[in-house]
Amino acid sequence: MDLMAADFQSLVRLSFNWLDKHLDFSMETEAMVVTSKYMKEYPLNKSDCL
């Protein structure tokens, strides 16, 4: 396994450990993050609605 994959795996493991500890609000924030990502990709401009 190369170094990048090892770093990525440990990063993912750290993320899941953090999520386990903060699971109560992670569900709420996940929806907000997904929404904000969607808004950045598809910004709602007034010109789009016209």
N, C-alpha and C. Protein backbone atom coordinates (compact mmCIF):
# COMPACT_ATOMS: atom_id res chain seq x y z
N MET A 1 0.85 -1.20 0.00
CA MET A 1 0.00 0.00 0.00
C MET A 1 0.89 1.25 0.00
N ASP A 2 0.56 2.20 -0.85
CA ASP A 2 1.41 3.38 -0.92
C ASP A 2 1.06 4.36 0.20
N LEU A 3 1.89 5.36 0.34
CA LEU A 3 1.78 6.28 1.47
C LEU A 3 0.47 7.07 1.42
N MET A 4 0.08 7.50 0.23
CA MET A 4 -1.14 8.29 0.09
C MET A 4 -2.35 7.52 0.59
N ALA A 5 -2.45 6.25 0.18
CA ALA A 5 -3.58 5.43 0.59
C ALA A 5 -3.59 5.25 2.11
N ALA A 6 -2.41 5.04 2.69
CA ALA A 6 -2.32 4.87 4.14
C ALA A 6 -2.76 6.13 4.85
N ASP A 7 -2.30 7.29 4.36
CA ASP A 7 -2.70 8.57 4.96
C ASP A 7 -4.20 8.76 4.84
N PHE A 8 -4.73 8.41 3.67
CA PHE A 8 -6.17 8.59 3.44
C PHE A 8 -6.97 7.69 4.39
N GLN A 9 -6.53 6.45 4.55
CA GLN A 9 -7.24 5.53 5.44
C GLN A 9 -7.23 6.04 6.87
N SER A 10 -6.09 6.52 7.35
CA SER A 10 -6.02 7.03 8.72
C SER A 10 -6.88 8.27 8.87
N LEU A 11 -6.92 9.09 7.82
CA LEU A 11 -7.77 10.28 7.85
C LEU A 11 -9.24 9.90 7.95
N VAL A 12 -9.64 8.91 7.14
CA VAL A 12 -11.02 8.43 7.18
C VAL A 12 -11.35 7.87 8.56
N ARG A 13 -10.40 7.12 9.11
CA ARG A 13 -10.62 6.53 10.43
C ARG A 13 -10.79 7.62 11.48
N LEU A 14 -9.95 8.66 11.40
CA LEU A 14 -10.07 9.78 12.33
C LEU A 14 -11.41 10.48 12.17
N SER A 15 -11.85 10.64 10.93
CA SER A 15 -13.13 11.29 10.68
C SER A 15 -14.28 10.50 11.29
N PHE A 16 -14.24 9.18 11.11
CA PHE A 16 -15.32 8.35 11.67
C PHE A 16 -15.28 8.36 13.19
N ASN A 17 -14.08 8.37 13.78
CA ASN A 17 -13.98 8.47 15.24
C ASN A 17 -14.59 9.78 15.73
N TRP A 18 -14.30 10.87 15.01
CA TRP A 18 -14.84 12.17 15.38
C TRP A 18 -16.36 12.16 15.26
N LEU A 19 -16.86 11.57 14.17
CA LEU A 19 -18.31 11.51 13.96
C LEU A 19 -18.99 10.71 15.07
N ASP A 20 -18.35 9.62 15.50
CA ASP A 20 -18.92 8.83 16.59
C ASP A 20 -19.08 9.68 17.85
N LYS A 21 -18.07 10.51 18.13
CA LYS A 21 -18.12 11.34 19.32
C LYS A 21 -19.14 12.46 19.20
N HIS A 22 -19.34 12.94 17.98
CA HIS A 22 -20.21 14.11 17.76
C HIS A 22 -21.45 13.71 16.95
N LEU A 23 -21.90 12.49 17.14
CA LEU A 23 -22.96 11.96 16.28
C LEU A 23 -24.26 12.74 16.46
N ASP A 24 -24.51 13.25 17.66
CA ASP A 24 -25.77 13.93 17.94
C ASP A 24 -26.00 15.10 17.00
N PHE A 25 -24.96 15.95 16.84
CA PHE A 25 -25.20 17.09 15.95
C PHE A 25 -24.67 16.86 14.55
N SER A 26 -23.97 15.75 14.33
CA SER A 26 -23.44 15.51 12.99
C SER A 26 -24.58 15.26 12.00
N MET A 27 -25.67 14.66 12.48
CA MET A 27 -26.82 14.42 11.59
C MET A 27 -27.43 15.75 11.14
N GLU A 28 -27.53 16.71 12.07
CA GLU A 28 -28.08 18.02 11.71
C GLU A 28 -27.15 18.75 10.76
N THR A 29 -25.84 18.75 11.10
CA THR A 29 -24.91 19.52 10.29
C THR A 29 -24.71 18.89 8.91
N GLU A 30 -24.88 17.58 8.82
CA GLU A 30 -24.71 16.92 7.52
C GLU A 30 -25.70 17.50 6.51
N ALA A 31 -26.94 17.67 6.93
CA ALA A 31 -27.96 18.25 6.05
C ALA A 31 -27.56 19.66 5.65
N MET A 32 -27.02 20.42 6.62
CA MET A 32 -26.61 21.79 6.32
C MET A 32 -25.44 21.81 5.35
N VAL A 33 -24.49 20.90 5.53
CA VAL A 33 -23.32 20.84 4.65
C VAL A 33 -23.74 20.49 3.24
N VAL A 34 -24.61 19.48 3.13
CA VAL A 34 -25.09 19.07 1.81
C VAL A 34 -25.82 20.23 1.13
N THR A 35 -26.64 20.93 1.92
CA THR A 35 -27.38 22.07 1.37
C THR A 35 -26.43 23.17 0.91
N SER A 36 -25.43 23.49 1.73
CA SER A 36 -24.49 24.56 1.37
C SER A 36 -23.68 24.17 0.14
N LYS A 37 -23.29 22.89 0.04
CA LYS A 37 -22.56 22.42 -1.14
C LYS A 37 -23.45 22.57 -2.38
N TYR A 38 -24.71 22.20 -2.24
CA TYR A 38 -25.64 22.31 -3.36
C TYR A 38 -25.81 23.77 -3.77
N MET A 39 -25.91 24.64 -2.76
CA MET A 39 -26.09 26.06 -3.05
C MET A 39 -24.86 26.64 -3.74
N LYS A 40 -23.68 26.16 -3.38
CA LYS A 40 -22.46 26.66 -4.03
C LYS A 40 -22.41 26.19 -5.47
N GLU A 41 -22.79 24.94 -5.70
CA GLU A 41 -22.74 24.40 -7.06
C GLU A 41 -23.85 24.99 -7.93
N TYR A 42 -25.01 25.19 -7.32
CA TYR A 42 -26.15 25.72 -8.05
C TYR A 42 -26.67 26.96 -7.31
N PRO A 43 -25.97 28.09 -7.41
CA PRO A 43 -26.40 29.28 -6.68
C PRO A 43 -27.74 29.78 -7.20
N LEU A 44 -28.59 30.19 -6.27
CA LEU A 44 -29.92 30.69 -6.63
C LEU A 44 -29.83 32.19 -6.90
N ASN A 45 -29.55 32.53 -8.12
CA ASN A 45 -29.51 33.94 -8.49
C ASN A 45 -30.89 34.39 -8.93
N LYS A 46 -31.17 35.67 -8.73
CA LYS A 46 -32.48 36.19 -9.15
C LYS A 46 -32.62 36.08 -10.66
N SER A 47 -31.49 36.21 -11.38
CA SER A 47 -31.55 36.13 -12.84
C SER A 47 -31.95 34.73 -13.30
N ASP A 48 -31.62 33.70 -12.48
CA ASP A 48 -31.98 32.34 -12.85
C ASP A 48 -33.49 32.15 -12.81
N CYS A 49 -34.15 32.84 -11.88
CA CYS A 49 -35.59 32.64 -11.72
C CYS A 49 -36.38 33.33 -12.82
N LEU A 50 -35.78 34.37 -13.43
CA LEU A 50 -36.52 35.12 -14.44
C LEU A 50 -36.56 34.40 -15.76
